[in-house]
Amino acid sequence: MPVFAPEQSKIKMVILTKTKEKNAVWWSPINQNKRNTQSIVTSMLRRFEKHTLAKITNVIQFYENGNLIASKKL
């Protein structure tokens, strides 16, 4: 079973980067699907802050079932 899968993960995180950089999409770990949404978002942000993408990101958007649930401007 995969750790991340677009069709099974509860939360999708869209990383909008600065100009001329490629945007990225991260999916929440499937084993966290039973946790509440805020808990998953917090753990995804914690992992993101340690990643090199954090230095070139303008906005992070979180989606659940295709609906925007949170946005954070950096």
PDB file of N, CA and C in Angstrom:
ATOM      1  N   MET A   1       0.839  -1.184   0.000  1.00  0.00           N
ATOM      2  CA  MET A   1       0.000   0.000   0.000  1.00  0.00           C
ATOM      3  C   MET A   1       0.883   1.245   0.000  1.00  0.00           C
ATOM      4  N   PRO A   2       0.588   2.233  -0.862  1.00  0.00           N
ATOM      5  CA  PRO A   2       1.411   3.440  -0.912  1.00  0.00           C
ATOM      6  C   PRO A   2       1.206   4.321   0.331  1.00  0.00           C
ATOM      7  N   VAL A   3       2.184   5.151   0.596  1.00  0.00           N
ATOM      8  CA  VAL A   3       2.089   6.086   1.721  1.00  0.00           C
ATOM      9  C   VAL A   3       1.229   7.286   1.329  1.00  0.00           C
ATOM     10  N   PHE A   4       1.417   7.769   0.101  1.00  0.00           N
ATOM     11  CA  PHE A   4       0.671   8.916  -0.424  1.00  0.00           C
ATOM     12  C   PHE A   4      -0.012   8.483  -1.712  1.00  0.00           C
ATOM     13  N   ALA A   5      -1.248   8.898  -1.924  1.00  0.00           N
ATOM     14  CA  ALA A   5      -1.948   8.597  -3.169  1.00  0.00           C
ATOM     15  C   ALA A   5      -3.041   9.644  -3.388  1.00  0.00           C
ATOM     16  N   PRO A   6      -3.041  10.299  -4.537  1.00  0.00           N
ATOM     17  CA  PRO A   6      -4.038  11.349  -4.783  1.00  0.00           C
ATOM     18  C   PRO A   6      -5.483  10.884  -4.590  1.00  0.00           C
ATOM     19  N   GLU A   7      -5.784   9.667  -4.947  1.00  0.00           N
ATOM     20  CA  GLU A   7      -7.162   9.195  -4.844  1.00  0.00           C
ATOM     21  C   GLU A   7      -7.523   8.691  -3.447  1.00  0.00           C
ATOM     22  N   GLN A   8      -6.547   8.564  -2.538  1.00  0.00           N
ATOM     23  CA  GLN A   8      -6.832   8.050  -1.194  1.00  0.00           C
ATOM     24  C   GLN A   8      -6.484   9.026  -0.081  1.00  0.00           C
ATOM     25  N   SER A   9      -5.598   9.976  -0.320  1.00  0.00           N
ATOM     26  CA  SER A   9      -5.195  10.924   0.715  1.00  0.00           C
ATOM     27  C   SER A   9      -6.327  11.901   1.018  1.00  0.00           C
ATOM     28  N   LYS A  10      -6.428  12.298   2.276  1.00  0.00           N
ATOM     29  CA  LYS A  10      -7.506  13.186   2.716  1.00  0.00           C
ATOM     30  C   LYS A  10      -7.246  14.639   2.315  1.00  0.00           C
ATOM     31  N   ILE A  11      -6.001  15.091   2.411  1.00  0.00           N
ATOM     32  CA  ILE A  11      -5.652  16.494   2.195  1.00  0.00           C
ATOM     33  C   ILE A  11      -4.650  16.635   1.049  1.00  0.00           C
ATOM     34  N   LYS A  12      -4.873  17.646   0.222  1.00  0.00           N
ATOM     35  CA  LYS A  12      -3.939  17.999  -0.855  1.00  0.00           C
ATOM     36  C   LYS A  12      -3.362  19.373  -0.514  1.00  0.00           C
ATOM     37  N   MET A  13      -2.042  19.499  -0.555  1.00  0.00           N
ATOM     38  CA  MET A  13      -1.380  20.766  -0.289  1.00  0.00           C
ATOM     39  C   MET A  13      -0.743  21.257  -1.590  1.00  0.00           C
ATOM     40  N   VAL A  14      -1.175  22.425  -2.056  1.00  0.00           N
ATOM     41  CA  VAL A  14      -0.632  23.031  -3.265  1.00  0.00           C
ATOM     42  C   VAL A  14       0.367  24.096  -2.842  1.00  0.00           C
ATOM     43  N   ILE A  15       1.578  23.986  -3.357  1.00  0.00           N
ATOM     44  CA  ILE A  15       2.662  24.904  -3.008  1.00  0.00           C
ATOM     45  C   ILE A  15       2.894  25.813  -4.205  1.00  0.00           C
ATOM     46  N   LEU A  16       2.530  27.088  -4.060  1.00  0.00           N
ATOM     47  CA  LEU A  16       2.700  28.069  -5.129  1.00  0.00           C
ATOM     48  C   LEU A  16       4.016  28.802  -4.900  1.00  0.00           C
ATOM     49  N   THR A  17       4.948  28.591  -5.805  1.00  0.00           N
ATOM     50  CA  THR A  17       6.297  29.113  -5.642  1.00  0.00           C
ATOM     51  C   THR A  17       6.463  30.471  -6.300  1.00  0.00           C
ATOM     52  N   LYS A  18       7.616  31.067  -6.068  1.00  0.00           N
ATOM     53  CA  LYS A  18       7.938  32.357  -6.675  1.00  0.00           C
ATOM     54  C   LYS A  18       8.094  32.193  -8.182  1.00  0.00           C
ATOM     55  N   THR A  19       8.142  33.296  -8.885  1.00  0.00           N
ATOM     56  CA  THR A  19       8.198  33.267 -10.340  1.00  0.00           C
ATOM     57  C   THR A  19       9.325  32.400 -10.870  1.00  0.00           C
ATOM     58  N   LYS A  20       9.054  31.756 -11.976  1.00  0.00           N
ATOM     59  CA  LYS A  20       9.991  30.893 -12.709  1.00  0.00           C
ATOM     60  C   LYS A  20      10.358  29.616 -11.969  1.00  0.00           C
ATOM     61  N   GLU A  21       9.707  29.339 -10.877  1.00  0.00           N
ATOM     62  CA  GLU A  21       9.909  28.081 -10.158  1.00  0.00           C
ATOM     63  C   GLU A  21       8.673  27.220 -10.382  1.00  0.00           C
ATOM     64  N   LYS A  22       8.866  25.914 -10.371  1.00  0.00           N
ATOM     65  CA  LYS A  22       7.756  24.994 -10.604  1.00  0.00           C
ATOM     66  C   LYS A  22       6.931  24.811  -9.322  1.00  0.00           C
ATOM     67  N   ASN A  23       5.608  24.961  -9.436  1.00  0.00           N
ATOM     68  CA  ASN A  23       4.721  24.714  -8.298  1.00  0.00           C
ATOM     69  C   ASN A  23       4.734  23.226  -7.960  1.00  0.00           C
ATOM     70  N   ALA A  24       4.340  22.906  -6.742  1.00  0.00           N
ATOM     71  CA  ALA A  24       4.366  21.511  -6.295  1.00  0.00           C
ATOM     72  C   ALA A  24       3.048  21.153  -5.610  1.00  0.00           C
ATOM     73  N   VAL A  25       2.755  19.865  -5.580  1.00  0.00           N
ATOM     74  CA  VAL A  25       1.577  19.350  -4.880  1.00  0.00           C
ATOM     75  C   VAL A  25       2.029  18.220  -3.973  1.00  0.00           C
ATOM     76  N   TRP A  26       1.633  18.289  -2.716  1.00  0.00           N
ATOM     77  CA  TRP A  26       1.901  17.218  -1.758  1.00  0.00           C
ATOM     78  C   TRP A  26       0.568  16.654  -1.298  1.00  0.00           C
ATOM     79  N   TRP A  27       0.555  15.371  -0.984  1.00  0.00           N
ATOM     80  CA  TRP A  27      -0.629  14.690  -0.481  1.00  0.00           C
ATOM     81  C   TRP A  27      -0.363  14.227   0.948  1.00  0.00           C
ATOM     82  N   SER A  28      -1.394  14.247   1.764  1.00  0.00           N
ATOM     83  CA  SER A  28      -1.232  13.795   3.146  1.00  0.00           C
ATOM     84  C   SER A  28      -1.042  12.280   3.173  1.00  0.00           C
ATOM     85  N   PRO A  29      -0.318  11.782   4.179  1.00  0.00           N
ATOM     86  CA  PRO A  29      -0.152  10.333   4.313  1.00  0.00           C
ATOM     87  C   PRO A  29      -1.508   9.651   4.529  1.00  0.00           C
ATOM     88  N   ILE A  30      -1.716   8.563   3.843  1.00  0.00           N
ATOM     89  CA  ILE A  30      -2.979   7.836   3.926  1.00  0.00           C
ATOM     90  C   ILE A  30      -3.261   7.369   5.353  1.00  0.00           C
ATOM     91  N   ASN A  31      -2.216   6.993   6.085  1.00  0.00           N
ATOM     92  CA  ASN A  31      -2.434   6.501   7.454  1.00  0.00           C
ATOM     93  C   ASN A  31      -2.926   7.596   8.403  1.00  0.00           C
ATOM     94  N   GLN A  32      -2.955   8.862   7.957  1.00  0.00           N
ATOM     95  CA  GLN A  32      -3.462   9.964   8.784  1.00  0.00           C
ATOM     96  C   GLN A  32      -4.912  10.321   8.459  1.00  0.00           C
ATOM     97  N   ASN A  33      -5.545   9.628   7.534  1.00  0.00           N
ATOM     98  CA  ASN A  33      -6.900   9.965   7.102  1.00  0.00           C
ATOM     99  C   ASN A  33      -7.923  10.004   8.233  1.00  0.00           C
ATOM    100  N   LYS A  34      -7.729   9.224   9.290  1.00  0.00           N
ATOM    101  CA  LYS A  34      -8.692   9.194  10.391  1.00  0.00           C
ATOM    102  C   LYS A  34      -8.514  10.363  11.353  1.00  0.00           C
ATOM    103  N   ARG A  35      -7.393  11.066  11.249  1.00  0.00           N
ATOM    104  CA  ARG A  35      -7.152  12.226  12.111  1.00  0.00           C
ATOM    105  C   ARG A  35      -8.008  13.395  11.652  1.00  0.00           C
ATOM    106  N   ASN A  36      -8.202  14.388  12.549  1.00  0.00           N
ATOM    107  CA  ASN A  36      -8.973  15.552  12.132  1.00  0.00           C
ATOM    108  C   ASN A  36      -8.158  16.400  11.161  1.00  0.00           C
ATOM    109  N   THR A  37      -8.844  17.176  10.368  1.00  0.00           N
ATOM    110  CA  THR A  37      -8.222  17.940   9.284  1.00  0.00           C
ATOM    111  C   THR A  37      -7.130  18.874   9.795  1.00  0.00           C
ATOM    112  N   GLN A  38      -7.397  19.596  10.870  1.00  0.00           N
ATOM    113  CA  GLN A  38      -6.412  20.557  11.385  1.00  0.00           C
ATOM    114  C   GLN A  38      -5.131  19.862  11.821  1.00  0.00           C
ATOM    115  N   SER A  39      -5.237  18.708  12.399  1.00  0.00           N
ATOM    116  CA  SER A  39      -4.065  17.945  12.819  1.00  0.00           C
ATOM    117  C   SER A  39      -3.210  17.543  11.616  1.00  0.00           C
ATOM    118  N   ILE A  40      -3.863  17.125  10.532  1.00  0.00           N
ATOM    119  CA  ILE A  40      -3.128  16.747   9.318  1.00  0.00           C
ATOM    120  C   ILE A  40      -2.438  17.960   8.713  1.00  0.00           C
ATOM    121  N   VAL A  41      -3.145  19.084   8.629  1.00  0.00           N
ATOM    122  CA  VAL A  41      -2.568  20.317   8.073  1.00  0.00           C
ATOM    123  C   VAL A  41      -1.357  20.747   8.886  1.00  0.00           C
ATOM    124  N   THR A  42      -1.465  20.692  10.201  1.00  0.00           N
ATOM    125  CA  THR A  42      -0.350  21.082  11.065  1.00  0.00           C
ATOM    126  C   THR A  42       0.870  20.194  10.835  1.00  0.00           C
ATOM    127  N   SER A  43       0.672  18.895  10.715  1.00  0.00           N
ATOM    128  CA  SER A  43       1.810  17.991  10.506  1.00  0.00           C
ATOM    129  C   SER A  43       2.412  18.180   9.114  1.00  0.00           C
ATOM    130  N   MET A  44       1.573  18.478   8.113  1.00  0.00           N
ATOM    131  CA  MET A  44       2.103  18.740   6.766  1.00  0.00           C
ATOM    132  C   MET A  44       2.928  20.028   6.751  1.00  0.00           C
ATOM    133  N   LEU A  45       2.454  21.058   7.454  1.00  0.00           N
ATOM    134  CA  LEU A  45       3.215  22.313   7.540  1.00  0.00           C
ATOM    135  C   LEU A  45       4.552  22.112   8.245  1.00  0.00           C
ATOM    136  N   ARG A  46       4.566  21.303   9.276  1.00  0.00           N
ATOM    137  CA  ARG A  46       5.794  21.030  10.015  1.00  0.00           C
ATOM    138  C   ARG A  46       6.833  20.366   9.098  1.00  0.00           C
ATOM    139  N   ARG A  47       6.387  19.395   8.293  1.00  0.00           N
ATOM    140  CA  ARG A  47       7.305  18.753   7.343  1.00  0.00           C
ATOM    141  C   ARG A  47       7.742  19.720   6.254  1.00  0.00           C
ATOM    142  N   PHE A  48       6.823  20.548   5.781  1.00  0.00           N
ATOM    143  CA  PHE A  48       7.125  21.498   4.720  1.00  0.00           C
ATOM    144  C   PHE A  48       8.188  22.511   5.151  1.00  0.00           C
ATOM    145  N   GLU A  49       8.096  23.004   6.376  1.00  0.00           N
ATOM    146  CA  GLU A  49       9.038  24.022   6.859  1.00  0.00           C
ATOM    147  C   GLU A  49      10.477  23.530   6.849  1.00  0.00           C
ATOM    148  N   LYS A  50      10.693  22.221   6.883  1.00  0.00           N
ATOM    149  CA  LYS A  50      12.035  21.648   6.856  1.00  0.00           C
ATOM    150  C   LYS A  50      12.531  21.409   5.434  1.00  0.00           C
ATOM    151  N   HIS A  51      11.657  21.540   4.448  1.00  0.00           N
ATOM    152  CA  HIS A  51      11.986  21.241   3.056  1.00  0.00           C
ATOM    153  C   HIS A  51      12.566  22.474   2.352  1.00  0.00           C
ATOM    154  N   THR A  52      13.383  22.255   1.331  1.00  0.00           N
ATOM    155  CA  THR A  52      13.991  23.367   0.588  1.00  0.00           C
ATOM    156  C   THR A  52      12.959  24.217  -0.146  1.00  0.00           C
ATOM    157  N   LEU A  53      11.798  23.654  -0.454  1.00  0.00           N
ATOM    158  CA  LEU A  53      10.738  24.431  -1.109  1.00  0.00           C
ATOM    159  C   LEU A  53      10.263  25.603  -0.251  1.00  0.00           C
ATOM    160  N   ALA A  54      10.407  25.501   1.033  1.00  0.00           N
ATOM    161  CA  ALA A  54       9.919  26.545   1.939  1.00  0.00           C
ATOM    162  C   ALA A  54      10.549  27.903   1.644  1.00  0.00           C
ATOM    163  N   LYS A  55      11.772  27.899   1.162  1.00  0.00           N
ATOM    164  CA  LYS A  55      12.479  29.163   0.899  1.00  0.00           C
ATOM    165  C   LYS A  55      11.998  29.873  -0.362  1.00  0.00           C
ATOM    166  N   ILE A  56      11.341  29.144  -1.273  1.00  0.00           N
ATOM    167  CA  ILE A  56      10.920  29.747  -2.541  1.00  0.00           C
ATOM    168  C   ILE A  56       9.405  29.765  -2.717  1.00  0.00           C
ATOM    169  N   THR A  57       8.668  29.634  -1.623  1.00  0.00           N
ATOM    170  CA  THR A  57       7.209  29.548  -1.683  1.00  0.00           C
ATOM    171  C   THR A  57       6.560  30.871  -1.323  1.00  0.00           C
ATOM    172  N   ASN A  58       5.517  31.222  -2.084  1.00  0.00           N
ATOM    173  CA  ASN A  58       4.718  32.419  -1.802  1.00  0.00           C
ATOM    174  C   ASN A  58       3.459  32.072  -1.002  1.00  0.00           C
ATOM    175  N   VAL A  59       2.747  31.041  -1.451  1.00  0.00           N
ATOM    176  CA  VAL A  59       1.454  30.687  -0.854  1.00  0.00           C
ATOM    177  C   VAL A  59       1.327  29.167  -0.772  1.00  0.00           C
ATOM    178  N   ILE A  60       0.696  28.699   0.301  1.00  0.00           N
ATOM    179  CA  ILE A  60       0.354  27.283   0.452  1.00  0.00           C
ATOM    180  C   ILE A  60      -1.165  27.210   0.571  1.00  0.00           C
ATOM    181  N   GLN A  61      -1.769  26.295  -0.202  1.00  0.00           N
ATOM    182  CA  GLN A  61      -3.213  26.106  -0.151  1.00  0.00           C
ATOM    183  C   GLN A  61      -3.511  24.656   0.206  1.00  0.00           C
ATOM    184  N   PHE A  62      -4.511  24.460   1.054  1.00  0.00           N
ATOM    185  CA  PHE A  62      -4.913  23.113   1.460  1.00  0.00           C
ATOM    186  C   PHE A  62      -6.327  22.840   0.953  1.00  0.00           C
ATOM    187  N   TYR A  63      -6.501  21.654   0.378  1.00  0.00           N
ATOM    188  CA  TYR A  63      -7.791  21.248  -0.177  1.00  0.00           C
ATOM    189  C   TYR A  63      -8.232  19.927   0.443  1.00  0.00           C
ATOM    190  N   GLU A  64      -9.536  19.829   0.677  1.00  0.00           N
ATOM    191  CA  GLU A  64     -10.138  18.575   1.120  1.00  0.00           C
ATOM    192  C   GLU A  64     -11.364  18.333   0.242  1.00  0.00           C
ATOM    193  N   ASN A  65     -11.410  17.199  -0.414  1.00  0.00           N
ATOM    194  CA  ASN A  65     -12.499  16.869  -1.344  1.00  0.00           C
ATOM    195  C   ASN A  65     -12.666  17.940  -2.424  1.00  0.00           C
ATOM    196  N   GLY A  66     -11.566  18.513  -2.885  1.00  0.00           N
ATOM    197  CA  GLY A  66     -11.609  19.515  -3.948  1.00  0.00           C
ATOM    198  C   GLY A  66     -11.967  20.914  -3.492  1.00  0.00           C
ATOM    199  N   ASN A  67     -12.228  21.111  -2.212  1.00  0.00           N
ATOM    200  CA  ASN A  67     -12.597  22.418  -1.682  1.00  0.00           C
ATOM    201  C   ASN A  67     -11.439  23.038  -0.912  1.00  0.00           C
ATOM    202  N   LEU A  68     -11.168  24.302  -1.169  1.00  0.00           N
ATOM    203  CA  LEU A  68     -10.121  25.025  -0.445  1.00  0.00           C
ATOM    204  C   LEU A  68     -10.553  25.164   1.011  1.00  0.00           C
ATOM    205  N   ILE A  69      -9.701  24.670   1.926  1.00  0.00           N
ATOM    206  CA  ILE A  69     -10.050  24.728   3.352  1.00  0.00           C
ATOM    207  C   ILE A  69      -9.146  25.679   4.127  1.00  0.00           C
ATOM    208  N   ALA A  70      -7.947  25.970   3.561  1.00  0.00           N
ATOM    209  CA  ALA A  70      -7.026  26.884   4.245  1.00  0.00           C
ATOM    210  C   ALA A  70      -5.998  27.399   3.242  1.00  0.00           C
ATOM    211  N   SER A  71      -5.516  28.596   3.500  1.00  0.00           N
ATOM    212  CA  SER A  71      -4.488  29.186   2.663  1.00  0.00           C
ATOM    213  C   SER A  71      -3.546  29.969   3.566  1.00  0.00           C
ATOM    214  N   LYS A  72      -2.270  29.890   3.278  1.00  0.00           N
ATOM    215  CA  LYS A  72      -1.277  30.590   4.092  1.00  0.00           C
ATOM    216  C   LYS A  72      -0.290  31.282   3.179  1.00  0.00           C
ATOM    217  N   LYS A  73      -0.174  32.598   3.329  1.00  0.00           N
ATOM    218  CA  LYS A  73       0.785  33.375   2.548  1.00  0.00           C
ATOM    219  C   LYS A  73       2.078  33.480   3.338  1.00  0.00           C
ATOM    220  N   LEU A  74       3.187  33.224   2.675  1.00  0.00           N
ATOM    221  CA  LEU A  74       4.482  33.245   3.356  1.00  0.00           C
ATOM    222  C   LEU A  74       5.264  34.494   2.989  1.00  0.00           C
TER     223      LEU A  74
END
